[in-house]
Amino acid sequence: PKAKACCHAHPPHGTAFAVAGVQPPTCMIPEAEVFLGQIGLAEYQTPGTPANAEVVGNAAVDHMAVLMVNHGVITWGKDIEDSYWKMENVEAYCKTVWVASQLNGGSLLTITGGQAKELIALRKTLGMDDKRANWKECQLCDNADFHPGTVCRVSGDAGAPAPSAKLDPEAEKLVQQLTDQILASMK
């Protein structure tokens, strides 16, 4: 097995995400993408039970760090030092995301899906598998569960405005008709 050691703890910021049942967003800090990958979320089961071991084990297949809902965090690695280091990184990442979410009206900047693909490729060269390797670019940075309204950018230039889309006049007409009908039924 790839997991030679694990570390379990209750760090406050990582555990806060676990208690909220919120998977930390991706595509924000390159180090987290490379060294942690996507942080998993395992549903609540009574601690110490076979059911708990099963849900955590299933989540750990695709994640080197797993938040256990209403409990804490578990990480795995090649040895205990590696596992502990991942735990420290999970806590630092969750704290940074939480603090950043309080700034700038909650607007969090992300890297693009293309940039995330580069980091996943780097992760693979370091010997760490990532289930996201074959995901589409837009799937990589879909953080809508953490921050509703988050939009996945597809442009390589995060600051550039999106190109104007050519709209189908027939589709626009149909959308307007449906909108009018819905609004009329609400009166």
Protein backbone atom coordinates (compact mmCIF):
# COMPACT_ATOMS: atom_id res chain seq x y z
CA PRO A 1 0.00 0.00 0.00
CA LYS A 2 1.04 3.58 -0.60
CA ALA A 3 -0.14 4.66 2.85
CA LYS A 4 2.71 3.66 5.18
CA ALA A 5 1.63 5.92 8.05
CA CYS A 6 -1.26 8.16 9.02
CA CYS A 7 -1.79 11.12 11.31
CA HIS A 8 -5.13 11.91 12.96
CA ALA A 9 -5.79 15.17 14.80
CA HIS A 10 -8.39 17.85 15.47
CA PRO A 11 -6.74 21.06 14.20
CA PRO A 12 -9.21 23.94 14.68
CA HIS A 13 -9.52 25.24 11.11
CA GLY A 14 -9.47 21.84 9.41
CA THR A 15 -11.96 20.54 11.96
CA ALA A 16 -14.16 23.61 11.41
CA PHE A 17 -14.44 22.68 7.73
CA ALA A 18 -15.23 19.08 8.81
CA VAL A 19 -17.92 20.19 11.29
CA ALA A 20 -19.45 22.39 8.60
CA GLY A 21 -19.32 19.47 6.16
CA VAL A 22 -17.50 21.68 3.67
CA GLN A 23 -14.75 20.39 1.43
CA PRO A 24 -12.02 23.05 1.17
CA PRO A 25 -11.95 24.71 -2.24
CA THR A 26 -9.26 23.95 -4.78
CA CYS A 27 -7.18 26.02 -7.20
CA MET A 28 -6.13 28.68 -4.71
CA ILE A 29 -2.61 27.93 -3.46
CA PRO A 30 -0.15 25.98 -5.65
CA GLU A 31 1.55 24.24 -2.71
CA ALA A 32 -1.75 22.76 -1.56
CA GLU A 33 -2.51 21.51 -5.07
CA VAL A 34 0.89 19.84 -5.37
CA PHE A 35 1.46 18.46 -1.87
CA LEU A 36 -2.10 17.76 -0.70
CA GLY A 37 -4.21 17.48 -3.82
CA GLN A 38 -7.94 17.76 -3.31
CA ILE A 39 -8.85 17.32 0.36
CA GLY A 40 -11.50 14.64 0.78
CA LEU A 41 -14.61 14.61 2.95
CA ALA A 42 -15.82 11.42 4.68
CA GLU A 43 -19.37 11.26 6.03
CA TYR A 44 -19.85 10.96 9.77
CA GLN A 45 -19.64 7.56 11.37
CA THR A 46 -19.08 6.84 15.05
CA PRO A 47 -15.34 7.26 15.74
CA GLY A 48 -13.43 4.01 16.19
CA THR A 49 -16.04 1.83 14.50
CA PRO A 50 -15.59 -0.37 11.42
CA ALA A 51 -18.08 1.90 9.61
CA ASN A 52 -15.85 4.90 10.33
CA ALA A 53 -12.80 3.02 9.06
CA GLU A 54 -14.69 2.10 5.90
CA VAL A 55 -15.81 5.63 4.96
CA VAL A 56 -12.39 7.11 5.75
CA GLY A 57 -10.63 4.32 3.85
CA ASN A 58 -12.86 4.82 0.83
CA ALA A 59 -12.16 8.57 0.82
CA ALA A 60 -8.42 7.98 1.30
CA VAL A 61 -8.21 6.02 -1.96
CA ASP A 62 -8.42 9.33 -3.84
CA HIS A 63 -7.26 11.78 -1.15
CA MET A 64 -4.09 11.99 0.98
CA ALA A 65 -5.96 14.22 3.42
CA VAL A 66 -9.53 13.56 4.55
CA LEU A 67 -11.85 15.64 6.70
CA MET A 68 -14.07 13.43 8.85
CA VAL A 69 -17.44 15.15 9.18
CA ASN A 70 -18.14 16.25 12.78
CA HIS A 71 -14.83 14.82 13.94
CA GLY A 72 -11.41 15.90 12.65
CA VAL A 73 -8.76 15.29 10.01
CA ILE A 74 -6.70 12.29 8.93
CA THR A 75 -3.74 12.32 6.54
CA TRP A 76 -1.53 9.58 5.15
CA GLY A 77 1.91 9.42 3.63
CA LYS A 78 5.11 7.46 3.12
CA ASP A 79 6.07 7.80 6.82
CA ILE A 80 4.80 9.52 9.96
CA GLU A 81 6.80 12.69 9.26
CA ASP A 82 5.21 12.97 5.81
CA SER A 83 1.75 12.35 7.29
CA TYR A 84 2.30 14.95 10.02
CA TRP A 85 3.60 17.46 7.45
CA LYS A 86 0.41 16.97 5.43
CA MET A 87 -1.66 17.56 8.58
CA GLU A 88 0.19 20.85 9.15
CA ASN A 89 -0.47 21.80 5.52
CA VAL A 90 -4.18 20.97 5.78
CA GLU A 91 -4.51 23.21 8.83
CA ALA A 92 -2.52 26.07 7.27
CA TYR A 93 -4.54 25.81 4.05
CA CYS A 94 -7.92 25.74 5.81
CA LYS A 95 -6.91 28.70 7.97
CA THR A 96 -5.73 30.69 4.95
CA VAL A 97 -8.91 29.95 3.00
CA TRP A 98 -11.07 30.90 5.99
CA VAL A 99 -9.23 34.19 6.60
CA ALA A 100 -9.23 35.04 2.89
CA SER A 101 -12.97 34.34 2.67
CA GLN A 102 -13.51 37.18 5.17
CA LEU A 103 -11.68 39.70 2.98
CA ASN A 104 -12.67 41.45 -0.24
CA GLY A 105 -16.36 40.69 0.22
CA GLY A 106 -15.64 36.97 0.23
CA SER A 107 -14.33 37.03 -3.34
CA LEU A 108 -11.56 34.47 -3.63
CA LEU A 109 -9.19 34.40 -6.58
CA THR A 110 -8.32 31.08 -8.12
CA ILE A 111 -5.84 29.80 -10.63
CA THR A 112 -7.25 28.58 -13.92
CA GLY A 113 -8.04 24.99 -14.79
CA GLY A 114 -5.07 24.98 -17.17
CA GLN A 115 -2.78 26.12 -14.38
CA ALA A 116 -4.26 23.45 -12.09
CA LYS A 117 -3.52 20.81 -14.75
CA GLU A 118 0.14 21.92 -14.70
CA LEU A 119 0.27 21.50 -10.91
CA ILE A 120 -1.37 18.07 -11.10
CA ALA A 121 1.23 17.05 -13.69
CA LEU A 122 3.96 18.24 -11.29
CA ARG A 123 2.28 16.27 -8.50
CA LYS A 124 2.41 13.13 -10.63
CA THR A 125 6.15 13.63 -11.33
CA LEU A 126 6.63 13.59 -7.54
CA GLY A 127 4.98 10.17 -7.40
CA MET A 128 1.56 11.26 -6.11
CA ASP A 129 -1.50 10.06 -7.99
CA ASP A 130 -4.40 12.45 -8.48
CA LYS A 131 -7.89 11.36 -9.52
CA ARG A 132 -8.31 14.79 -11.13
CA ALA A 133 -5.62 14.12 -13.76
CA ASN A 134 -8.23 13.35 -16.43
CA TRP A 135 -10.81 15.93 -15.39
CA LYS A 136 -11.77 18.77 -17.70
CA GLU A 137 -10.19 22.11 -16.85
CA CYS A 138 -13.47 23.61 -15.67
CA GLN A 139 -14.11 20.69 -13.30
CA LEU A 140 -10.77 21.22 -11.57
CA CYS A 141 -11.65 24.60 -10.08
CA ASP A 142 -15.37 24.14 -9.44
CA ASN A 143 -15.68 25.52 -5.92
CA ALA A 144 -19.42 26.21 -6.02
CA ASP A 145 -20.03 24.05 -2.94
CA PHE A 146 -17.68 26.20 -0.85
CA HIS A 147 -18.60 29.56 -2.28
CA PRO A 148 -21.85 29.62 -4.28
CA GLY A 149 -21.49 31.75 -7.37
CA THR A 150 -17.84 30.87 -7.90
CA VAL A 151 -17.16 30.73 -11.60
CA CYS A 152 -14.56 28.52 -13.21
CA ARG A 153 -12.42 30.58 -15.56
CA VAL A 154 -11.39 28.88 -18.78
CA SER A 155 -9.12 31.62 -20.10
CA GLY A 156 -5.37 31.34 -19.54
CA ASP A 157 -5.35 35.02 -18.54
CA ALA A 158 -7.34 35.35 -15.32
CA GLY A 159 -7.52 39.13 -15.67
CA ALA A 160 -8.76 39.20 -19.25
CA PRO A 161 -12.45 39.69 -19.90
CA ALA A 162 -14.29 36.71 -21.31
CA PRO A 163 -14.69 36.82 -25.07
CA SER A 164 -18.09 37.88 -26.32
CA ALA A 165 -20.19 34.88 -27.13
CA LYS A 166 -22.23 34.85 -30.30
CA LEU A 167 -25.78 34.32 -29.16
CA ASP A 168 -28.31 32.33 -31.14
CA PRO A 169 -31.20 34.76 -31.78
CA GLU A 170 -33.77 31.93 -31.76
CA ALA A 171 -32.51 30.62 -28.44
CA GLU A 172 -32.53 34.13 -26.98
CA LYS A 173 -36.12 34.60 -28.15
CA LEU A 174 -37.15 31.31 -26.52
CA VAL A 175 -35.38 32.22 -23.27
CA GLN A 176 -37.16 35.58 -23.21
CA GLN A 177 -40.55 33.93 -23.81
CA LEU A 178 -39.97 31.46 -20.97
CA THR A 179 -38.78 34.24 -18.67
CA ASP A 180 -41.87 36.30 -19.46
CA GLN A 181 -44.15 33.30 -18.76
CA ILE A 182 -42.46 32.56 -15.44
CA LEU A 183 -42.63 36.18 -14.33
CA ALA A 184 -46.28 36.42 -15.37
CA SER A 185 -47.16 33.30 -13.36
CA MET A 186 -45.54 34.82 -10.26
CA LYS A 187 -47.81 37.89 -10.26
